[in-house]
Amino acid sequence: MKKIVEAAQIGEAIERMAREIASEYSGKPLLLLGVLKGALYLTVDLARALAEIPDGPSEIGMDFVSVVSYGNATQSSGEIRLLMDAAVPIAGRNVLLLDDIADGGLTLQALQALLQGRGPASLRTAVLFDKPARRAAQVALDYVGLPLPNVFVVGYGLDYQEKYRSLPYLAEL
C-alpha cells in the first residue's frame, strides 16, 4: 500500500474544519451525526477539536447512523440501506452530518433527504475526504477536509472488507 495522506495532514484538516464549524455555530448547540463505521474517527476527533475552541458551539452532542452501500466491493452498489437510525430526535436541532468520504455522493444525498424531512433547525454536511471525480449525485458539502485523487483508499475509518480502518493515515489500496 502506498501512503497518500499522512496522519499529521488529517489532524490539520480536522483542526481547520473545527474552526470553520465553530465560527458558524458559536454559542449554539450542535449535534454531530456520524455515519458508521467510516466516520467514527472523524466524529470523535472533530468533537474533541470543537470542544477546545472557546467561542465554539455551546454544547456538542454525538449520535450515529449506519448505512451500507459498498458491501465487499470497491465501488458503491448504488443501493443505500439504513441499518441503524439515530437514537435522538433531530427536529429543531442544529445537525452536522459527518461522513468519512464523499465519493459518488449517493449515500450522502439519501441521508440528507432523510434527515431534512425530520425538521432540523439546520442541516450541514462535513466530509473529511472528497473525491469529486467520482461524483454521480449532486450533494451539498458544507465542510471538506481534503480532496483526494480518484483511487481506492483505506485508513482513518475507510476500509476494504472491514480491513485497514484503524490506520492513522490514508493509503491507496
Foldseek 3Di string as FASTA:
>chain_A
DAFDWDLVLLLVLLLVLLVVQFVVQFAAEEEEEEEPDQCPLVSVSNVVSNVPDPRGHPYYHYWYWYWDFAQQHLDGPLDIDTPGDTPDQQAAAHYEYEYAECAQNSHQVVVVVVNVVSHHPHYAYEYAEYAVVRHNDDHHHPGYRYYDYPARKEECRRDRNPPRPPHSGIGGD
